[in-house]
Structures are given as C-alpha cells and as structure tokens.
Amino acid sequence: MKKLIFLSTIMAAISVQAVAQSMLRVRLTDNTPVNVSLDGRYFNKRGTTVTISELPPGEHKLRVYTYLQSRRGRGYEDMIFEGFVRTYHGDITLFVLDKISGETDLRVQPISDFTFNHPPKNELNRIDMFDGSDGASEEQRKRKESEQAAYSNNTNNNTNTPAVKDTPPPSTAISTIDDEELDKIKKKVEAKSTDTDKMLALKTALKNEKITVNQASYILSWLMFENSKLDFAKWAYAVTADKAYYDDLKPTFSYKTSIDDFETFLNEHK
C-alpha cells in the first residue's frame, strides 16, 4: 500500500512538472536551415525549424545560427541573432526571425493547441497549397477555372441561360488591376526592407483599386510576418470585389490564433 502511495505521489509530481514545462520553436522567414543554442547549450538540430521542449519557463538567452559556405566550398555556421526570449508555463513560444532585416515575430500558444504538422506558409514554402504561377491555392484555381469555363460557354453559345445564383463573375472580370500592373506593384513592394514599408506601399497602390481574393492571397505572400499578413487581410477587405470568397484566405495563416482572429473579423463584417 505504501508503495502504491509513493508511486502515485511520484507520478503526480511528474505530471505537474510536465504541465509546468514550456517549449520554444525557432525558424527563419525564408525557411532556410538553422541551428540554435539556448542558455549556452548548443542544440545540434539543424533544420528549417528547431523545437526545444521541456524548458523551464522564464527568460532564456538564444543564439541562432545559419549555415554558409566559403569560397572553397567549406561549410560553416554564422550567428545571425543573439538575444533573450521568454517562455511560459504550458505554452510554446514561436520565434520567427528575418535574417536580412533582423526583425523578429513572437507568438505564444498553448502547447495543446499547437499543430506541429501545420507548416508555416510564406512565399518560399507554399508547395502544398499553391501552384506557383499566380499565387492561388489549388481550390481557388479550380474554382476560378470552372467559373471562367462557364462564363466562356455562356458567351460562345449566346444563350439566355442565367448564371448560377450568387456566383460572382470570374475574378479577372471584376478586378481593376491586371497581371502586368500587379507585377509592377510587387516589384515596388519587394524593394522595401520591412513589412511596415511594404504595407505602406501596398495601401498607397491599392487604395483606389479593386482586387480579387485570388490577388489578395498572392499579395499576402509578399509579407514576411504573420501579424502583417493579418493586418493587410483586414485592410484589404474594403477593396476586395468578391467578398463572398474572402474566407478562402484562412489557409494563408499559420497560427490558430491568427485564424481565429480572422474568422472573428469576417463574422463582424458579414
């Protein structure tokens, strides 16, 4: 009986300790491989993301290294960040670094809510979701092709068959910006070094225009940080013509908190 009580006490202590632990996940905006050291301990976990679990909550000294090659082809690591990051009881701290501008993006989520199989989505890591041609998701591309085919058939047959109820015309027919103009805007945005400047350039270029959801999805891929994408998505709602499909932008966001925030915004604007 005493043994059972002792074992129960040990298990309870372990459970409490596990809940009290925190986690840290580190990645770069362009998803190039990194290594990290934390509190002086080097973690040889080179990858596009490095996750450190069972951390005591609190402030930790973080160093982030990227892998480079010398002119002779020899590989070496270069430290691109040194600073402090805080973790919390039962939470995972998501640390994203832009190695060019040095900007960082920190998000905290309950460990139980975080999905490790949900990869970050940005311009360089959208293989599963985007076809690489115009920034549209596979579902959006198929819908667009279907709409264009129906629109073309109705025009060519010269019939009076009404269009499907509540279905907007093809996106290209309701946007005031064509592909050539969009490319010009993209070049202006890419010339900016920070998301703040990129957002300003976008708002200036689009304030008197109308865009489609497909175009909005493509534009979001030009921004580096999740909070910037969320802010732009909210701003762009007013200049988007096919608002009925605005929830198609949800897969653009990587974090559950961002998706929840976006859904709340949509519900408030229905």
C-alpha atoms as a PDB file:
ATOM      1  CA  MET A   1       0.000   0.000   0.000  1.00  0.00           C
ATOM      2  CA  LYS A   2       2.840   2.368   0.896  1.00  0.00           C
ATOM      3  CA  LYS A   3       4.494   1.563  -2.427  1.00  0.00           C
ATOM      4  CA  LEU A   4       1.309   2.467  -4.308  1.00  0.00           C
ATOM      5  CA  ILE A   5       1.008   5.778  -2.466  1.00  0.00           C
ATOM      6  CA  PHE A   6       4.692   6.530  -3.155  1.00  0.00           C
ATOM      7  CA  LEU A   7       4.293   5.728  -6.869  1.00  0.00           C
ATOM      8  CA  SER A   8       1.143   7.858  -7.099  1.00  0.00           C
ATOM      9  CA  THR A   9       2.963  10.779  -5.487  1.00  0.00           C
ATOM     10  CA  ILE A  10       5.874  10.440  -7.922  1.00  0.00           C
ATOM     11  CA  MET A  11       3.528  10.271 -10.946  1.00  0.00           C
ATOM     12  CA  ALA A  12       1.612  13.317  -9.756  1.00  0.00           C
ATOM     13  CA  ALA A  13       4.849  15.247  -9.319  1.00  0.00           C
ATOM     14  CA  ILE A  14       5.957  14.272 -12.815  1.00  0.00           C
ATOM     15  CA  SER A  15       2.587  15.344 -14.263  1.00  0.00           C
ATOM     16  CA  VAL A  16       2.772  18.731 -12.541  1.00  0.00           C
ATOM     17  CA  GLN A  17       6.326  19.205 -13.767  1.00  0.00           C
ATOM     18  CA  ALA A  18       5.317  18.326 -17.358  1.00  0.00           C
ATOM     19  CA  VAL A  19       2.491  20.855 -17.332  1.00  0.00           C
ATOM     20  CA  ALA A  20       4.839  23.477 -15.913  1.00  0.00           C
ATOM     21  CA  GLN A  21       7.348  22.990 -18.714  1.00  0.00           C
ATOM     22  CA  SER A  22       7.456  25.249 -21.746  1.00  0.00           C
ATOM     23  CA  MET A  23       8.613  24.932 -25.342  1.00  0.00           C
ATOM     24  CA  LEU A  24      10.395  27.091 -27.921  1.00  0.00           C
ATOM     25  CA  ARG A  25      10.225  26.785 -31.705  1.00  0.00           C
ATOM     26  CA  VAL A  26      12.635  28.742 -33.930  1.00  0.00           C
ATOM     27  CA  ARG A  27      12.573  29.313 -37.690  1.00  0.00           C
ATOM     28  CA  LEU A  28      13.562  31.895 -40.296  1.00  0.00           C
ATOM     29  CA  THR A  29      11.103  33.713 -42.557  1.00  0.00           C
ATOM     30  CA  ASP A  30      12.638  32.098 -45.653  1.00  0.00           C
ATOM     31  CA  ASN A  31      12.748  28.641 -44.002  1.00  0.00           C
ATOM     32  CA  THR A  32      16.477  28.137 -44.546  1.00  0.00           C
ATOM     33  CA  PRO A  33      18.060  25.644 -42.116  1.00  0.00           C
ATOM     34  CA  VAL A  34      19.139  26.910 -38.703  1.00  0.00           C
ATOM     35  CA  ASN A  35      20.878  25.739 -35.557  1.00  0.00           C
ATOM     36  CA  VAL A  36      20.381  27.250 -32.125  1.00  0.00           C
ATOM     37  CA  SER A  37      21.947  27.439 -28.692  1.00  0.00           C
ATOM     38  CA  LEU A  38      19.928  28.219 -25.594  1.00  0.00           C
ATOM     39  CA  ASP A  39      21.384  29.354 -22.284  1.00  0.00           C
ATOM     40  CA  GLY A  40      24.835  28.362 -23.508  1.00  0.00           C
ATOM     41  CA  ARG A  41      23.767  24.864 -24.564  1.00  0.00           C
ATOM     42  CA  TYR A  42      24.193  24.118 -28.264  1.00  0.00           C
ATOM     43  CA  PHE A  43      21.415  22.036 -29.874  1.00  0.00           C
ATOM     44  CA  ASN A  44      22.646  20.197 -32.946  1.00  0.00           C
ATOM     45  CA  LYS A  45      19.187  20.092 -34.554  1.00  0.00           C
ATOM     46  CA  ARG A  46      19.843  21.680 -37.926  1.00  0.00           C
ATOM     47  CA  GLY A  47      16.579  22.071 -39.838  1.00  0.00           C
ATOM     48  CA  THR A  48      14.058  24.595 -41.187  1.00  0.00           C
ATOM     49  CA  THR A  49      12.573  24.658 -37.682  1.00  0.00           C
ATOM     50  CA  VAL A  50      14.185  23.784 -34.368  1.00  0.00           C
ATOM     51  CA  THR A  51      11.919  22.868 -31.459  1.00  0.00           C
ATOM     52  CA  ILE A  52      13.203  22.675 -27.888  1.00  0.00           C
ATOM     53  CA  SER A  53      10.875  21.057 -25.369  1.00  0.00           C
ATOM     54  CA  GLU A  54      10.840  20.552 -21.592  1.00  0.00           C
ATOM     55  CA  LEU A  55      12.173  24.036 -20.902  1.00  0.00           C
ATOM     56  CA  PRO A  56      11.756  25.686 -17.519  1.00  0.00           C
ATOM     57  CA  PRO A  57       9.517  28.732 -18.005  1.00  0.00           C
ATOM     58  CA  GLY A  58      11.268  32.076 -17.934  1.00  0.00           C
ATOM     59  CA  GLU A  59      13.803  34.144 -19.828  1.00  0.00           C
ATOM     60  CA  HIS A  60      16.381  32.319 -21.956  1.00  0.00           C
ATOM     61  CA  LYS A  61      19.413  33.526 -23.889  1.00  0.00           C
ATOM     62  CA  LEU A  62      19.001  32.484 -27.522  1.00  0.00           C
ATOM     63  CA  ARG A  63      21.555  32.350 -30.318  1.00  0.00           C
ATOM     64  CA  VAL A  64      20.508  31.497 -33.868  1.00  0.00           C
ATOM     65  CA  TYR A  65      22.971  30.237 -36.469  1.00  0.00           C
ATOM     66  CA  THR A  66      22.613  29.806 -40.213  1.00  0.00           C
ATOM     67  CA  TYR A  67      24.711  27.594 -42.470  1.00  0.00           C
ATOM     68  CA  LEU A  68      27.025  29.217 -45.037  1.00  0.00           C
ATOM     69  CA  GLN A  69      29.698  28.090 -47.473  1.00  0.00           C
ATOM     70  CA  SER A  70      33.103  29.627 -48.026  1.00  0.00           C
ATOM     71  CA  ARG A  71      34.550  30.307 -51.456  1.00  0.00           C
ATOM     72  CA  ARG A  72      36.349  26.991 -51.210  1.00  0.00           C
ATOM     73  CA  GLY A  73      33.055  25.214 -50.603  1.00  0.00           C
ATOM     74  CA  ARG A  74      33.616  24.569 -46.914  1.00  0.00           C
ATOM     75  CA  GLY A  75      30.552  24.822 -44.718  1.00  0.00           C
ATOM     76  CA  TYR A  76      30.455  26.891 -41.562  1.00  0.00           C
ATOM     77  CA  GLU A  77      27.875  28.377 -39.200  1.00  0.00           C
ATOM     78  CA  ASP A  78      27.292  32.102 -38.825  1.00  0.00           C
ATOM     79  CA  MET A  79      25.472  33.581 -35.803  1.00  0.00           C
ATOM     80  CA  ILE A  80      22.683  35.867 -37.049  1.00  0.00           C
ATOM     81  CA  PHE A  81      20.835  36.543 -33.788  1.00  0.00           C
ATOM     82  CA  GLU A  82      21.670  36.867 -30.113  1.00  0.00           C
ATOM     83  CA  GLY A  83      19.131  37.966 -27.553  1.00  0.00           C
ATOM     84  CA  PHE A  84      16.638  36.933 -24.904  1.00  0.00           C
ATOM     85  CA  VAL A  85      13.322  35.158 -25.366  1.00  0.00           C
ATOM     86  CA  ARG A  86      10.731  34.309 -22.709  1.00  0.00           C
ATOM     87  CA  THR A  87       8.751  31.068 -22.443  1.00  0.00           C
ATOM     88  CA  TYR A  88       5.676  30.412 -20.296  1.00  0.00           C
ATOM     89  CA  HIS A  89       4.075  27.585 -18.306  1.00  0.00           C
ATOM     90  CA  GLY A  90       2.323  25.112 -20.608  1.00  0.00           C
ATOM     91  CA  ASP A  91       2.901  27.291 -23.702  1.00  0.00           C
ATOM     92  CA  ILE A  92       5.025  27.124 -26.825  1.00  0.00           C
ATOM     93  CA  THR A  93       6.794  30.311 -27.895  1.00  0.00           C
ATOM     94  CA  LEU A  94       7.005  30.628 -31.686  1.00  0.00           C
ATOM     95  CA  PHE A  95      10.065  32.671 -32.652  1.00  0.00           C
ATOM     96  CA  VAL A  96      10.417  33.795 -36.293  1.00  0.00           C
ATOM     97  CA  LEU A  97      13.464  35.747 -37.471  1.00  0.00           C
ATOM     98  CA  ASP A  98      14.068  37.652 -40.683  1.00  0.00           C
ATOM     99  CA  LYS A  99      17.812  37.243 -41.187  1.00  0.00           C
ATOM    100  CA  ILE A 100      18.014  40.213 -43.591  1.00  0.00           C
ATOM    101  CA  SER A 101      16.263  42.947 -41.603  1.00  0.00           C
ATOM    102  CA  GLY A 102      16.768  41.385 -38.159  1.00  0.00           C
ATOM    103  CA  GLU A 103      13.047  41.718 -37.368  1.00  0.00           C
ATOM    104  CA  THR A 104      11.540  39.102 -35.082  1.00  0.00           C
ATOM    105  CA  ASP A 105       7.981  37.891 -34.635  1.00  0.00           C
ATOM    106  CA  LEU A 106       6.960  36.256 -31.348  1.00  0.00           C
ATOM    107  CA  ARG A 107       3.727  34.343 -30.778  1.00  0.00           C
ATOM    108  CA  VAL A 108       2.690  32.296 -27.741  1.00  0.00           C
ATOM    109  CA  GLN A 109       0.194  29.436 -27.914  1.00  0.00           C
ATOM    110  CA  PRO A 110      -0.904  26.688 -25.544  1.00  0.00           C
ATOM    111  CA  ILE A 111       1.096  23.565 -26.337  1.00  0.00           C
ATOM    112  CA  SER A 112      -2.152  21.595 -26.606  1.00  0.00           C
ATOM    113  CA  ASP A 113      -3.413  23.916 -29.385  1.00  0.00           C
ATOM    114  CA  PHE A 114      -0.253  23.868 -31.482  1.00  0.00           C
ATOM    115  CA  THR A 115      -0.182  21.572 -34.520  1.00  0.00           C
ATOM    116  CA  PHE A 116       3.359  20.524 -35.386  1.00  0.00           C
ATOM    117  CA  ASN A 117       2.296  19.167 -38.760  1.00  0.00           C
ATOM    118  CA  HIS A 118       0.975  22.568 -39.826  1.00  0.00           C
ATOM    119  CA  PRO A 119       3.936  24.105 -41.707  1.00  0.00           C
ATOM    120  CA  PRO A 120       4.483  27.850 -41.943  1.00  0.00           C
ATOM    121  CA  LYS A 121       3.112  29.298 -45.148  1.00  0.00           C
ATOM    122  CA  ASN A 122       5.002  32.002 -46.938  1.00  0.00           C
ATOM    123  CA  GLU A 123       6.229  32.765 -50.412  1.00  0.00           C
ATOM    124  CA  LEU A 124       9.010  30.162 -50.222  1.00  0.00           C
ATOM    125  CA  ASN A 125       7.035  27.371 -48.586  1.00  0.00           C
ATOM    126  CA  ARG A 126       3.667  27.028 -50.298  1.00  0.00           C
ATOM    127  CA  ILE A 127       4.221  23.823 -52.319  1.00  0.00           C
ATOM    128  CA  ASP A 128       1.218  22.026 -50.870  1.00  0.00           C
ATOM    129  CA  MET A 129      -1.132  24.957 -51.229  1.00  0.00           C
ATOM    130  CA  PHE A 130      -0.038  26.958 -54.264  1.00  0.00           C
ATOM    131  CA  ASP A 131       0.707  26.093 -57.878  1.00  0.00           C
ATOM    132  CA  GLY A 132       3.464  28.713 -58.114  1.00  0.00           C
ATOM    133  CA  SER A 133       2.012  30.523 -61.133  1.00  0.00           C
ATOM    134  CA  ASP A 134      -0.321  33.178 -59.777  1.00  0.00           C
ATOM    135  CA  GLY A 135      -0.309  32.590 -56.016  1.00  0.00           C
ATOM    136  CA  ALA A 136      -3.767  30.999 -55.970  1.00  0.00           C
ATOM    137  CA  SER A 137      -4.469  27.871 -53.948  1.00  0.00           C
ATOM    138  CA  GLU A 138      -5.434  24.694 -55.778  1.00  0.00           C
ATOM    139  CA  GLU A 139      -9.037  25.007 -54.615  1.00  0.00           C
ATOM    140  CA  GLN A 140      -9.184  28.651 -55.663  1.00  0.00           C
ATOM    141  CA  ARG A 141      -7.565  27.873 -59.031  1.00  0.00           C
ATOM    142  CA  LYS A 142     -10.087  25.105 -59.800  1.00  0.00           C
ATOM    143  CA  ARG A 143     -12.987  27.347 -58.804  1.00  0.00           C
ATOM    144  CA  LYS A 144     -11.635  30.131 -60.989  1.00  0.00           C
ATOM    145  CA  GLU A 145     -11.190  27.776 -63.979  1.00  0.00           C
ATOM    146  CA  SER A 146     -14.726  26.438 -63.501  1.00  0.00           C
ATOM    147  CA  GLU A 147     -16.173  29.955 -63.412  1.00  0.00           C
ATOM    148  CA  GLN A 148     -14.204  31.002 -66.483  1.00  0.00           C
ATOM    149  CA  ALA A 149     -15.327  27.894 -68.399  1.00  0.00           C
ATOM    150  CA  ALA A 150     -18.980  28.519 -67.549  1.00  0.00           C
ATOM    151  CA  TYR A 151     -18.637  32.178 -68.440  1.00  0.00           C
ATOM    152  CA  SER A 152     -16.990  31.281 -71.760  1.00  0.00           C
ATOM    153  CA  ASN A 153     -19.616  28.680 -72.657  1.00  0.00           C
ATOM    154  CA  ASN A 154     -22.478  31.091 -71.996  1.00  0.00           C
ATOM    155  CA  THR A 155     -20.815  33.732 -74.143  1.00  0.00           C
ATOM    156  CA  ASN A 156     -19.936  31.407 -77.039  1.00  0.00           C
ATOM    157  CA  ASN A 157     -23.345  29.745 -77.164  1.00  0.00           C
ATOM    158  CA  ASN A 158     -25.102  33.126 -76.999  1.00  0.00           C
ATOM    159  CA  THR A 159     -27.848  31.647 -74.833  1.00  0.00           C
ATOM    160  CA  ASN A 160     -30.034  33.360 -72.296  1.00  0.00           C
ATOM    161  CA  THR A 161     -29.271  30.783 -69.610  1.00  0.00           C
ATOM    162  CA  PRO A 162     -28.960  32.669 -66.351  1.00  0.00           C
ATOM    163  CA  ALA A 163     -25.742  32.401 -64.376  1.00  0.00           C
ATOM    164  CA  VAL A 164     -25.626  30.270 -61.235  1.00  0.00           C
ATOM    165  CA  LYS A 165     -27.276  32.154 -58.399  1.00  0.00           C
ATOM    166  CA  ASP A 166     -24.952  34.045 -56.037  1.00  0.00           C
ATOM    167  CA  THR A 167     -21.879  33.167 -58.119  1.00  0.00           C
ATOM    168  CA  PRO A 168     -19.780  36.231 -58.969  1.00  0.00           C
ATOM    169  CA  PRO A 169     -18.217  36.602 -62.424  1.00  0.00           C
ATOM    170  CA  PRO A 170     -14.614  35.467 -62.973  1.00  0.00           C
ATOM    171  CA  SER A 171     -12.094  37.282 -60.801  1.00  0.00           C
ATOM    172  CA  THR A 172     -10.267  38.761 -63.777  1.00  0.00           C
ATOM    173  CA  ALA A 173     -13.519  40.439 -64.885  1.00  0.00           C
ATOM    174  CA  ILE A 174     -14.047  42.364 -61.634  1.00  0.00           C
ATOM    175  CA  SER A 175     -10.501  43.422 -60.747  1.00  0.00           C
ATOM    176  CA  THR A 176      -9.221  46.860 -61.742  1.00  0.00           C
ATOM    177  CA  ILE A 177      -5.620  45.569 -61.723  1.00  0.00           C
ATOM    178  CA  ASP A 178      -4.291  43.265 -64.434  1.00  0.00           C
ATOM    179  CA  ASP A 179      -1.308  40.904 -64.139  1.00  0.00           C
ATOM    180  CA  GLU A 180       1.137  43.434 -65.554  1.00  0.00           C
ATOM    181  CA  GLU A 181       0.128  46.127 -63.065  1.00  0.00           C
ATOM    182  CA  LEU A 182       0.252  43.587 -60.210  1.00  0.00           C
ATOM    183  CA  ASP A 183       3.829  42.685 -61.159  1.00  0.00           C
ATOM    184  CA  LYS A 184       4.780  46.377 -61.032  1.00  0.00           C
ATOM    185  CA  ILE A 185       3.295  46.690 -57.547  1.00  0.00           C
ATOM    186  CA  LYS A 186       5.134  43.542 -56.463  1.00  0.00           C
ATOM    187  CA  LYS A 187       8.494  44.986 -57.570  1.00  0.00           C
ATOM    188  CA  LYS A 188       7.836  48.154 -55.578  1.00  0.00           C
ATOM    189  CA  VAL A 189       6.899  46.128 -52.506  1.00  0.00           C
ATOM    190  CA  GLU A 190       9.889  43.772 -52.782  1.00  0.00           C
ATOM    191  CA  ALA A 191      12.199  46.799 -52.879  1.00  0.00           C
ATOM    192  CA  LYS A 192      11.143  47.611 -49.296  1.00  0.00           C
ATOM    193  CA  SER A 193      13.151  46.051 -46.481  1.00  0.00           C
ATOM    194  CA  THR A 194      10.498  45.848 -43.742  1.00  0.00           C
ATOM    195  CA  ASP A 195       6.871  44.773 -43.557  1.00  0.00           C
ATOM    196  CA  THR A 196       5.932  48.244 -42.322  1.00  0.00           C
ATOM    197  CA  ASP A 197       7.248  49.834 -45.504  1.00  0.00           C
ATOM    198  CA  LYS A 198       5.729  47.079 -47.641  1.00  0.00           C
ATOM    199  CA  MET A 199       2.307  47.651 -46.076  1.00  0.00           C
ATOM    200  CA  LEU A 200       2.553  51.383 -46.729  1.00  0.00           C
ATOM    201  CA  ALA A 201       3.462  50.765 -50.382  1.00  0.00           C
ATOM    202  CA  LEU A 202       0.564  48.327 -50.778  1.00  0.00           C
ATOM    203  CA  LYS A 203      -2.020  50.635 -49.234  1.00  0.00           C
ATOM    204  CA  THR A 204      -0.839  53.514 -51.400  1.00  0.00           C
ATOM    205  CA  ALA A 205      -1.010  51.430 -54.574  1.00  0.00           C
ATOM    206  CA  LEU A 206      -4.382  49.801 -53.855  1.00  0.00           C
ATOM    207  CA  LYS A 207      -6.403  52.465 -52.061  1.00  0.00           C
ATOM    208  CA  ASN A 208      -8.335  53.432 -55.224  1.00  0.00           C
ATOM    209  CA  GLU A 209      -8.389  49.958 -56.804  1.00  0.00           C
ATOM    210  CA  LYS A 210     -10.425  46.775 -56.629  1.00  0.00           C
ATOM    211  CA  ILE A 211      -8.741  43.381 -56.228  1.00  0.00           C
ATOM    212  CA  THR A 212      -9.940  39.784 -56.092  1.00  0.00           C
ATOM    213  CA  VAL A 213      -9.485  37.246 -53.314  1.00  0.00           C
ATOM    214  CA  ASN A 214      -7.019  35.375 -55.535  1.00  0.00           C
ATOM    215  CA  GLN A 215      -4.961  38.523 -55.907  1.00  0.00           C
ATOM    216  CA  ALA A 216      -5.186  39.252 -52.168  1.00  0.00           C
ATOM    217  CA  SER A 217      -3.877  35.760 -51.434  1.00  0.00           C
ATOM    218  CA  TYR A 218      -0.949  36.342 -53.776  1.00  0.00           C
ATOM    219  CA  ILE A 219      -0.197  39.744 -52.237  1.00  0.00           C
ATOM    220  CA  LEU A 220      -0.179  38.267 -48.717  1.00  0.00           C
ATOM    221  CA  SER A 221       2.716  36.017 -49.753  1.00  0.00           C
ATOM    222  CA  TRP A 222       4.881  39.141 -50.215  1.00  0.00           C
ATOM    223  CA  LEU A 223       4.753  39.894 -46.484  1.00  0.00           C
ATOM    224  CA  MET A 224       7.122  38.189 -44.064  1.00  0.00           C
ATOM    225  CA  PHE A 225       5.326  38.158 -40.727  1.00  0.00           C
ATOM    226  CA  GLU A 226       2.018  36.664 -39.652  1.00  0.00           C
ATOM    227  CA  ASN A 227       0.737  39.789 -37.908  1.00  0.00           C
ATOM    228  CA  SER A 228       1.485  41.862 -41.030  1.00  0.00           C
ATOM    229  CA  LYS A 229      -0.490  39.427 -43.174  1.00  0.00           C
ATOM    230  CA  LEU A 230      -3.413  39.551 -40.769  1.00  0.00           C
ATOM    231  CA  ASP A 231      -3.384  43.367 -40.708  1.00  0.00           C
ATOM    232  CA  PHE A 232      -3.294  43.574 -44.503  1.00  0.00           C
ATOM    233  CA  ALA A 233      -6.067  40.992 -44.903  1.00  0.00           C
ATOM    234  CA  LYS A 234      -8.321  43.102 -42.675  1.00  0.00           C
ATOM    235  CA  TRP A 235      -7.431  46.311 -44.536  1.00  0.00           C
ATOM    236  CA  ALA A 236      -7.860  44.743 -47.993  1.00  0.00           C
ATOM    237  CA  TYR A 237     -11.408  43.573 -47.247  1.00  0.00           C
ATOM    238  CA  ALA A 238     -12.721  47.043 -48.179  1.00  0.00           C
ATOM    239  CA  VAL A 239     -11.010  46.999 -51.591  1.00  0.00           C
ATOM    240  CA  THR A 240     -11.864  43.392 -52.466  1.00  0.00           C
ATOM    241  CA  ALA A 241     -14.589  42.865 -55.034  1.00  0.00           C
ATOM    242  CA  ASP A 242     -15.535  39.205 -54.440  1.00  0.00           C
ATOM    243  CA  LYS A 243     -16.020  39.367 -50.661  1.00  0.00           C
ATOM    244  CA  ALA A 244     -18.197  36.246 -50.755  1.00  0.00           C
ATOM    245  CA  TYR A 245     -14.979  34.216 -51.057  1.00  0.00           C
ATOM    246  CA  TYR A 246     -12.909  36.120 -48.505  1.00  0.00           C
ATOM    247  CA  ASP A 247     -12.743  33.166 -46.127  1.00  0.00           C
ATOM    248  CA  ASP A 248     -10.561  31.455 -48.760  1.00  0.00           C
ATOM    249  CA  LEU A 249      -7.711  33.466 -47.226  1.00  0.00           C
ATOM    250  CA  LYS A 250      -7.793  31.443 -43.998  1.00  0.00           C
ATOM    251  CA  PRO A 251      -5.180  28.870 -45.170  1.00  0.00           C
ATOM    252  CA  THR A 252      -2.770  31.780 -45.611  1.00  0.00           C
ATOM    253  CA  PHE A 253      -2.292  31.961 -41.837  1.00  0.00           C
ATOM    254  CA  SER A 254      -0.065  29.531 -39.947  1.00  0.00           C
ATOM    255  CA  TYR A 255      -1.223  30.047 -36.363  1.00  0.00           C
ATOM    256  CA  LYS A 256      -4.559  29.142 -34.817  1.00  0.00           C
ATOM    257  CA  THR A 257      -4.752  32.494 -33.019  1.00  0.00           C
ATOM    258  CA  SER A 258      -4.475  34.301 -36.361  1.00  0.00           C
ATOM    259  CA  ILE A 259      -7.152  32.126 -37.960  1.00  0.00           C
ATOM    260  CA  ASP A 260      -9.489  32.728 -35.013  1.00  0.00           C
ATOM    261  CA  ASP A 261      -8.852  36.488 -35.230  1.00  0.00           C
ATOM    262  CA  PHE A 262      -9.534  36.446 -38.976  1.00  0.00           C
ATOM    263  CA  GLU A 263     -12.780  34.472 -38.534  1.00  0.00           C
ATOM    264  CA  THR A 264     -13.948  36.952 -35.885  1.00  0.00           C
ATOM    265  CA  PHE A 265     -13.234  39.796 -38.304  1.00  0.00           C
ATOM    266  CA  LEU A 266     -15.242  38.099 -41.062  1.00  0.00           C
ATOM    267  CA  ASN A 267     -18.197  37.462 -38.759  1.00  0.00           C
ATOM    268  CA  GLU A 268     -18.227  41.115 -37.760  1.00  0.00           C
ATOM    269  CA  HIS A 269     -18.280  42.234 -41.404  1.00  0.00           C
ATOM    270  CA  LYS A 270     -20.950  39.899 -42.785  1.00  0.00           C
END
